[in-house]
Amino acid sequence: MQNTQTEQTNETSTVLRVTWISLAANIALCALKFTAGFLGRSQAVIADAVHSLSDTASDLAIILGARFWNQPPDKNHPYGHRRIETMVTLIIGFMLAIAGIGLAWNAIISIHLSSSKSPGWIAFWAAIISIIIKEIMYRWTLRASKQTGSIALEANAWHHRTDALSSIPAALAVAGAVLLPSWTLLDRIGAIVVSVMILYAAFKITRPRIAEVLESGASEEVKKEIEQIAKSVEGVTSIHKIRTRYVGANLHIDLHVQVNSSMPIKEAHDISMAVTKKLLQELPNVFDVVVHIEPSH
């Protein structure tokens, strides 16, 4: 239990450290793009700065939530507090979806408009800097999410990637307006394409979390793997009634194991502990295993 609490404390520390740095970078990029968009007379870059504000909101959601979802199980929460991470991840996913819909809507309603003034190169370079920094933040945050197993951190990583993608049409808009003012339509088309990519990322983030809230279990492939691992333990004659549930990224397993009916209780108990240990060691993100011992027929 002490090791588990230490691991959770380290995970929380990593999540908070990564997210605080992310928050600082997002605030700096927002200020940069607002300033460059204003000085460079680029509505696309100013809109991109507004989109970046959603990143700061998701950072704050993680900073507030991470202190709670890694708390150990207690009397009122025997399965822990990972549902908080699920809710934070859903919020990030919904924010991505709203940002994607907003970008698409703005692009569609302005597709017939043209800029009255040509933007300056300062706006273009601000968008390029944003793309580079956001791609770096995406890779770094995604790596940290894999190390900690944090689904909220993974969702935030994809938020960085979509922000980098949304800066691409902004950069193209500025370059196109400066070099070929009559081609500003490409900016709107590019924004629509990126909006679809953002909505797809939001779908990928929210779909498994909604399934978790609805108490969906592991896939049939994972269940078969659970059965194979349990059957490999010496003394196990049969496996049935495998039930699973996800709490955050953690998998909880409940299964019935049949052993020889004449086996002593102590030996049957040792087999159940061996099954539990093997499942915890060989399957990723398994948090708890409950084994029910039954006599074989």
Protein backbone atom coordinates (compact mmCIF):
# COMPACT_ATOMS: atom_id res chain seq x y z
CA MET A 1 0.00 0.00 0.00
CA GLN A 2 2.89 2.34 0.86
CA ASN A 3 4.44 1.72 -2.57
CA THR A 4 1.11 2.43 -4.25
CA GLN A 5 0.72 5.72 -2.39
CA THR A 6 4.31 6.69 -3.27
CA GLU A 7 3.68 5.93 -6.96
CA GLN A 8 0.46 7.99 -6.88
CA THR A 9 2.32 10.88 -5.22
CA ASN A 10 5.04 10.75 -7.89
CA GLU A 11 2.41 10.60 -10.63
CA THR A 12 0.59 13.62 -9.22
CA SER A 13 3.88 15.51 -8.96
CA THR A 14 4.73 14.76 -12.60
CA VAL A 15 1.26 15.68 -13.86
CA LEU A 16 1.30 18.98 -11.96
CA ARG A 17 4.84 19.86 -13.04
CA VAL A 18 4.09 19.22 -16.72
CA THR A 19 0.78 21.07 -16.55
CA TRP A 20 2.18 24.14 -14.77
CA ILE A 21 4.84 24.47 -17.48
CA SER A 22 2.12 23.97 -20.09
CA LEU A 23 0.01 26.71 -18.51
CA ALA A 24 2.93 29.15 -18.54
CA ALA A 25 3.68 28.35 -22.20
CA ASN A 26 0.02 28.75 -23.18
CA ILE A 27 -0.28 32.14 -21.49
CA ALA A 28 2.91 33.32 -23.20
CA LEU A 29 1.70 32.10 -26.60
CA CYS A 30 -1.71 33.75 -26.13
CA ALA A 31 -0.01 37.07 -25.38
CA LEU A 32 2.35 36.65 -28.34
CA LYS A 33 -0.41 35.85 -30.83
CA PHE A 34 -2.75 38.58 -29.58
CA THR A 35 0.03 41.17 -29.84
CA ALA A 36 1.30 39.94 -33.23
CA GLY A 37 -2.23 39.63 -34.58
CA PHE A 38 -3.04 43.18 -33.55
CA LEU A 39 0.22 44.70 -34.80
CA GLY A 40 0.15 42.57 -37.95
CA ARG A 41 -3.56 43.25 -38.63
CA SER A 42 -4.35 39.53 -38.84
CA GLN A 43 -7.80 38.38 -37.78
CA ALA A 44 -6.71 34.75 -38.31
CA VAL A 45 -3.88 35.02 -35.77
CA ILE A 46 -6.11 36.85 -33.28
CA ALA A 47 -8.69 34.07 -33.66
CA ASP A 48 -5.92 31.52 -33.13
CA ALA A 49 -4.98 33.33 -29.91
CA VAL A 50 -8.58 33.04 -28.72
CA HIS A 51 -8.47 29.32 -29.46
CA SER A 52 -5.30 29.03 -27.36
CA LEU A 53 -7.23 30.31 -24.36
CA SER A 54 -9.06 26.96 -24.23
CA ASP A 55 -5.68 25.33 -23.54
CA THR A 56 -5.20 27.43 -20.42
CA ALA A 57 -8.65 26.36 -19.20
CA SER A 58 -7.81 22.66 -19.63
CA ASP A 59 -4.49 23.21 -17.82
CA LEU A 60 -6.32 24.75 -14.88
CA ALA A 61 -8.81 21.86 -14.85
CA ILE A 62 -5.95 19.34 -14.55
CA ILE A 63 -4.12 21.37 -11.89
CA LEU A 64 -7.27 21.50 -9.77
CA GLY A 65 -8.24 17.88 -10.41
CA ALA A 66 -4.89 16.05 -10.14
CA ARG A 67 -4.66 16.74 -6.40
CA PHE A 68 -7.84 14.73 -5.86
CA TRP A 69 -7.97 11.84 -8.33
CA ASN A 70 -4.77 10.21 -7.05
CA GLN A 71 -5.99 10.09 -3.46
CA PRO A 72 -6.00 6.49 -2.16
CA PRO A 73 -9.31 4.62 -1.70
CA ASP A 74 -11.19 5.45 1.47
CA LYS A 75 -14.33 4.33 3.27
CA ASN A 76 -16.68 6.30 1.03
CA HIS A 77 -14.68 5.70 -2.17
CA PRO A 78 -13.47 2.08 -2.10
CA TYR A 79 -12.50 2.19 -5.78
CA GLY A 80 -10.49 5.39 -5.38
CA HIS A 81 -11.15 8.79 -6.97
CA ARG A 82 -10.24 8.19 -10.61
CA ARG A 83 -13.70 9.26 -11.79
CA ILE A 84 -12.49 12.82 -11.19
CA GLU A 85 -9.85 12.29 -13.88
CA THR A 86 -12.55 10.90 -16.15
CA MET A 87 -14.68 14.03 -15.69
CA VAL A 88 -11.68 16.35 -16.27
CA THR A 89 -10.84 14.43 -19.45
CA LEU A 90 -14.43 14.76 -20.65
CA ILE A 91 -14.30 18.50 -20.02
CA ILE A 92 -11.11 18.77 -22.10
CA GLY A 93 -12.72 16.71 -24.88
CA PHE A 94 -15.86 18.86 -24.90
CA MET A 95 -13.74 22.02 -24.95
CA LEU A 96 -11.91 20.66 -27.99
CA ALA A 97 -15.22 19.93 -29.69
CA ILE A 98 -16.51 23.44 -28.96
CA ALA A 99 -13.28 24.97 -30.28
CA GLY A 100 -13.52 22.85 -33.45
CA ILE A 101 -17.14 23.78 -34.06
CA GLY A 102 -16.37 27.46 -33.43
CA LEU A 103 -13.45 27.47 -35.87
CA ALA A 104 -15.53 25.72 -38.54
CA TRP A 105 -18.45 28.11 -38.05
CA ASN A 106 -16.23 31.20 -38.31
CA ALA A 107 -14.60 29.82 -41.45
CA ILE A 108 -17.95 29.01 -43.09
CA ILE A 109 -19.66 32.34 -42.36
CA SER A 110 -16.58 34.31 -43.52
CA ILE A 111 -15.74 32.19 -46.56
CA HIS A 112 -17.08 34.83 -48.94
CA LEU A 113 -15.29 37.74 -47.25
CA SER A 114 -11.92 39.20 -48.13
CA SER A 115 -9.57 41.23 -45.97
CA SER A 116 -9.53 44.99 -46.56
CA LYS A 117 -5.94 45.29 -45.35
CA SER A 118 -2.99 43.04 -45.97
CA PRO A 119 -1.54 41.59 -42.73
CA GLY A 120 2.13 41.89 -41.76
CA TRP A 121 4.80 39.22 -41.51
CA ILE A 122 4.96 39.59 -37.71
CA ALA A 123 1.65 37.72 -37.51
CA PHE A 124 3.02 34.94 -39.74
CA TRP A 125 6.09 34.40 -37.56
CA ALA A 126 3.97 34.38 -34.40
CA ALA A 127 1.91 31.54 -35.89
CA ILE A 128 5.07 29.64 -36.90
CA ILE A 129 6.52 30.00 -33.37
CA SER A 130 3.21 28.74 -31.97
CA ILE A 131 3.28 25.66 -34.24
CA ILE A 132 6.83 24.74 -33.17
CA ILE A 133 6.29 25.27 -29.44
CA LYS A 134 2.94 23.49 -29.44
CA GLU A 135 4.33 20.48 -31.27
CA ILE A 136 7.15 20.28 -28.71
CA MET A 137 4.60 20.55 -25.88
CA TYR A 138 2.48 17.83 -27.51
CA ARG A 139 5.35 15.34 -27.69
CA TRP A 140 6.60 16.12 -24.20
CA THR A 141 3.15 15.94 -22.58
CA LEU A 142 2.24 12.75 -24.43
CA ARG A 143 5.46 11.11 -23.22
CA ALA A 144 4.67 12.19 -19.65
CA SER A 145 1.11 10.80 -19.97
CA LYS A 146 2.49 7.39 -20.97
CA GLN A 147 4.92 7.43 -18.04
CA THR A 148 2.21 8.30 -15.52
CA GLY A 149 -0.77 6.56 -17.16
CA SER A 150 -2.75 9.80 -16.90
CA ILE A 151 -5.62 9.97 -19.39
CA ALA A 152 -6.19 13.66 -18.58
CA LEU A 153 -2.56 14.44 -19.44
CA GLU A 154 -2.95 12.50 -22.70
CA ALA A 155 -6.07 14.53 -23.54
CA ASN A 156 -4.15 17.72 -22.82
CA ALA A 157 -1.34 16.55 -25.09
CA TRP A 158 -3.81 16.22 -27.95
CA HIS A 159 -5.07 19.69 -27.09
CA HIS A 160 -1.52 20.95 -27.73
CA ARG A 161 -1.46 19.12 -31.07
CA THR A 162 -4.80 20.60 -32.19
CA ASP A 163 -3.63 24.08 -31.21
CA ALA A 164 -0.52 23.55 -33.34
CA LEU A 165 -2.72 22.42 -36.23
CA SER A 166 -5.03 25.41 -35.84
CA SER A 167 -2.02 27.74 -36.22
CA ILE A 168 -1.26 26.28 -39.66
CA PRO A 169 -4.19 27.92 -41.49
CA ALA A 170 -3.46 31.14 -39.58
CA ALA A 171 0.11 31.13 -40.90
CA LEU A 172 -1.09 30.24 -44.40
CA ALA A 173 -3.69 33.02 -44.24
CA VAL A 174 -1.07 35.64 -43.44
CA ALA A 175 1.39 34.37 -46.05
CA GLY A 176 -1.33 34.08 -48.68
CA ALA A 177 -2.73 37.53 -47.94
CA VAL A 178 0.71 39.13 -48.15
CA LEU A 179 1.88 37.30 -51.28
CA LEU A 180 -1.41 36.63 -53.06
CA PRO A 181 -4.25 38.68 -51.56
CA SER A 182 -6.82 37.13 -53.89
CA TRP A 183 -6.14 33.66 -52.42
CA THR A 184 -7.39 34.39 -48.88
CA LEU A 185 -10.14 31.80 -49.51
CA LEU A 186 -7.52 29.13 -48.77
CA ASP A 187 -7.44 30.32 -45.16
CA ARG A 188 -11.12 29.48 -44.68
CA ILE A 189 -10.83 26.10 -46.39
CA GLY A 190 -7.78 25.23 -44.28
CA ALA A 191 -9.63 26.26 -41.12
CA ILE A 192 -12.50 23.92 -41.98
CA VAL A 193 -10.09 21.02 -42.56
CA VAL A 194 -8.36 21.66 -39.23
CA SER A 195 -11.73 21.93 -37.51
CA VAL A 196 -12.60 18.43 -38.69
CA MET A 197 -9.27 17.19 -37.30
CA ILE A 198 -10.00 18.87 -33.96
CA LEU A 199 -13.45 17.30 -33.79
CA TYR A 200 -11.95 13.89 -34.54
CA ALA A 201 -9.42 14.34 -31.72
CA ALA A 202 -12.27 15.35 -29.38
CA PHE A 203 -14.18 12.21 -30.41
CA LYS A 204 -11.16 9.99 -29.69
CA ILE A 205 -10.75 11.56 -26.25
CA THR A 206 -14.38 11.54 -25.14
CA ARG A 207 -15.62 8.22 -26.57
CA PRO A 208 -13.74 5.89 -24.15
CA ARG A 209 -14.47 8.17 -21.20
CA ILE A 210 -18.22 8.19 -21.96
CA ALA A 211 -18.05 4.40 -22.21
CA GLU A 212 -16.37 4.38 -18.79
CA VAL A 213 -19.11 6.51 -17.25
CA LEU A 214 -21.62 4.04 -18.69
CA GLU A 215 -19.71 1.25 -16.89
CA SER A 216 -18.38 -0.39 -20.06
CA GLY A 217 -15.85 -3.15 -19.44
CA ALA A 218 -12.72 -4.29 -21.19
CA SER A 219 -12.80 -5.52 -24.78
CA GLU A 220 -13.26 -9.19 -25.64
CA GLU A 221 -9.60 -9.33 -26.61
CA VAL A 222 -8.55 -8.18 -23.13
CA LYS A 223 -10.98 -10.65 -21.52
CA LYS A 224 -9.47 -13.51 -23.51
CA GLU A 225 -6.03 -12.41 -22.36
CA ILE A 226 -7.25 -12.37 -18.76
CA GLU A 227 -8.57 -15.92 -19.19
CA GLN A 228 -5.32 -17.17 -20.72
CA ILE A 229 -3.18 -15.63 -17.97
CA ALA A 230 -5.38 -17.04 -15.20
CA LYS A 231 -5.48 -20.51 -16.79
CA SER A 232 -1.68 -20.56 -16.96
CA VAL A 233 -1.51 -20.72 -13.14
CA GLU A 234 -0.91 -24.26 -11.94
CA GLY A 235 -3.97 -25.75 -10.22
CA VAL A 236 -6.55 -23.72 -12.15
CA THR A 237 -8.97 -26.01 -14.00
CA SER A 238 -11.40 -23.45 -15.42
CA ILE A 239 -12.22 -19.74 -15.61
CA HIS A 240 -15.64 -18.14 -15.97
CA LYS A 241 -17.73 -15.06 -15.10
CA ILE A 242 -15.02 -12.57 -16.00
CA ARG A 243 -16.22 -9.06 -15.24
CA THR A 244 -14.23 -5.87 -15.74
CA ARG A 245 -14.67 -2.15 -15.26
CA TYR A 246 -12.52 0.90 -15.82
CA VAL A 247 -12.08 3.64 -13.24
CA GLY A 248 -10.02 6.27 -15.04
CA ALA A 249 -7.19 4.40 -16.73
CA ASN A 250 -7.28 1.69 -14.07
CA LEU A 251 -8.79 -1.72 -14.83
CA HIS A 252 -10.64 -3.64 -12.11
CA ILE A 253 -11.08 -7.39 -12.69
CA ASP A 254 -13.52 -9.80 -11.07
CA LEU A 255 -13.44 -13.49 -12.07
CA HIS A 256 -14.36 -16.98 -10.88
CA VAL A 257 -11.60 -19.61 -10.77
CA GLN A 258 -12.36 -23.31 -10.47
CA VAL A 259 -9.93 -25.68 -8.71
CA ASN A 260 -10.01 -29.35 -7.71
CA SER A 261 -12.89 -29.88 -5.27
CA SER A 262 -10.71 -31.95 -2.91
CA MET A 263 -8.06 -29.23 -2.64
CA PRO A 264 -7.36 -27.85 0.86
CA ILE A 265 -8.57 -24.28 1.51
CA LYS A 266 -5.03 -23.01 2.09
CA GLU A 267 -3.85 -24.35 -1.27
CA ALA A 268 -6.90 -22.93 -3.07
CA HIS A 269 -6.22 -19.55 -1.45
CA ASP A 270 -2.60 -19.66 -2.62
CA ILE A 271 -3.82 -20.30 -6.17
CA SER A 272 -6.15 -17.29 -6.00
CA MET A 273 -3.24 -15.11 -4.84
CA ALA A 274 -1.07 -16.47 -7.66
CA VAL A 275 -3.77 -15.57 -10.22
CA THR A 276 -4.07 -12.09 -8.75
CA LYS A 277 -0.31 -11.51 -8.80
CA LYS A 278 0.06 -12.77 -12.37
CA LEU A 279 -2.74 -10.54 -13.70
CA LEU A 280 -1.31 -7.49 -11.91
CA GLN A 281 2.14 -8.18 -13.36
CA GLU A 282 1.28 -9.13 -16.94
CA LEU A 283 -1.60 -6.79 -17.83
CA PRO A 284 -1.15 -3.00 -18.06
CA ASN A 285 -3.09 -0.60 -15.82
CA VAL A 286 -4.66 -3.35 -13.68
CA PHE A 287 -5.45 -1.79 -10.30
CA ASP A 288 -7.42 -4.48 -8.50
CA VAL A 289 -8.25 -8.18 -8.99
CA VAL A 290 -10.96 -10.10 -7.12
CA VAL A 291 -10.76 -13.89 -7.47
CA HIS A 292 -13.65 -16.15 -6.45
CA ILE A 293 -12.60 -19.75 -5.85
CA GLU A 294 -15.06 -22.51 -6.82
CA PRO A 295 -14.81 -26.32 -6.82
CA SER A 296 -14.60 -27.88 -10.26
CA HIS A 297 -17.36 -30.25 -11.26
